[in-house]
């Protein structure tokens, strides 16, 4: 079985995390998001992958290579311009087998659900029941068959979201060639599916169980919550006497948990980390490789990417912190409004209701804060920002200080 993975886009709604990496390579649950997709696809029976790449494609190629490390074949095609999901799939037409799986690179489901899609026989679309279908393209169905795909609508015809997982044969390419461009000038895969339906083709709808989507920066926190809980890597580093690990805690090779550290799982700590002494790491925290967590630091429900240093006397709550950052001593990232209102953050620079009661900061790579910095809930900080001692940061912080 072959899987064509659509992984060419930046994911502009995920900025600042995607200003330095493609969305599919955002670290989640101890590895790039795309690696989890590959692992689950392999477990479902996929033996050959075609990655459609574009934005910062070298990050994908360098990590996955030819697939030998994963025991599969991986080939690449380039979508020179990102002109929609249908356009991305068309880029892979020459590499497609007679029957193939198509996966959006920013969604992930469980292995059993993938197997159900693969077992559908003919063309199929995966669906997930959601509470707010207005955020998604939705599927209009009848007796288990697809009647139409309706893109984001204030009055969606169902609560079945298009999950971004498909089973096709080569007839999809003819349908895509006949599909019109969208109002944005892009060619969407869903228009090709509607084209199949207009030709009288049957497309089955397969409801899936688990569904993780990376659409907004804070989705990393929910993805970590799911993926860390499923991790069983165990303790491969050193735990000093006097440190307490409670519940499922994974510690990578070459990492040291120093005396007085108190870690409550599920928590995942990568390779080569230096944790403590006397710090408190709370559940659903994911710490990347080479991270330093200093004395008297508290981290709660956060993603800390590789090479970052959280210096002593700091607090980080419900935050996504990029790689190679340095928090000056006493940096406090607040995660709760005093009035308990939901927290607004920023997508493409626009203030947006995150829908979350608790949300700290979204911080790009290579950010450095001065000592005693205070960061408001929902703050977004662009890569490379250089702070000063005693700053109060809020909103969308872009200026890079000399």
Foldseek 3Di string as FASTA:
>chain_A
DEEEEEQAAQQQQAPPASVPPRQQQRDFLAGRVLVLQVVLVVVLPHAEYEYEYHVVCVVVCVVCPQPVVVNHGYHYFYDPDCQEPLSSVLRCLVVDDQKYKYAYSFKDAHNVLLNVQVPPPAKEFEWEQDDDQLVAFAFDDDPQWTDATHGRDPDDPHRIHGQRIIMHGSVLNVLQVVFDGDPVRGRYSRSSVNSCVVVVDTYGYRYGDDMQGPNHNLSSLVSLQVSLVVDDQAEQDEEDPQEAEADCEYAEHQEYADHLEYEYEPEYAYHNEYHDDNEYEYYSEYHEHCEYEYYHEYEYSEYHYEQEYEYALEYHYSEYEEHNEYEAAQEYWFWADPVQDFDWADGSLDTGRPVDSTATEYEYAHEYEHHNEYEYGREYEHHQAYYYPNHYGYYYHYDHDD
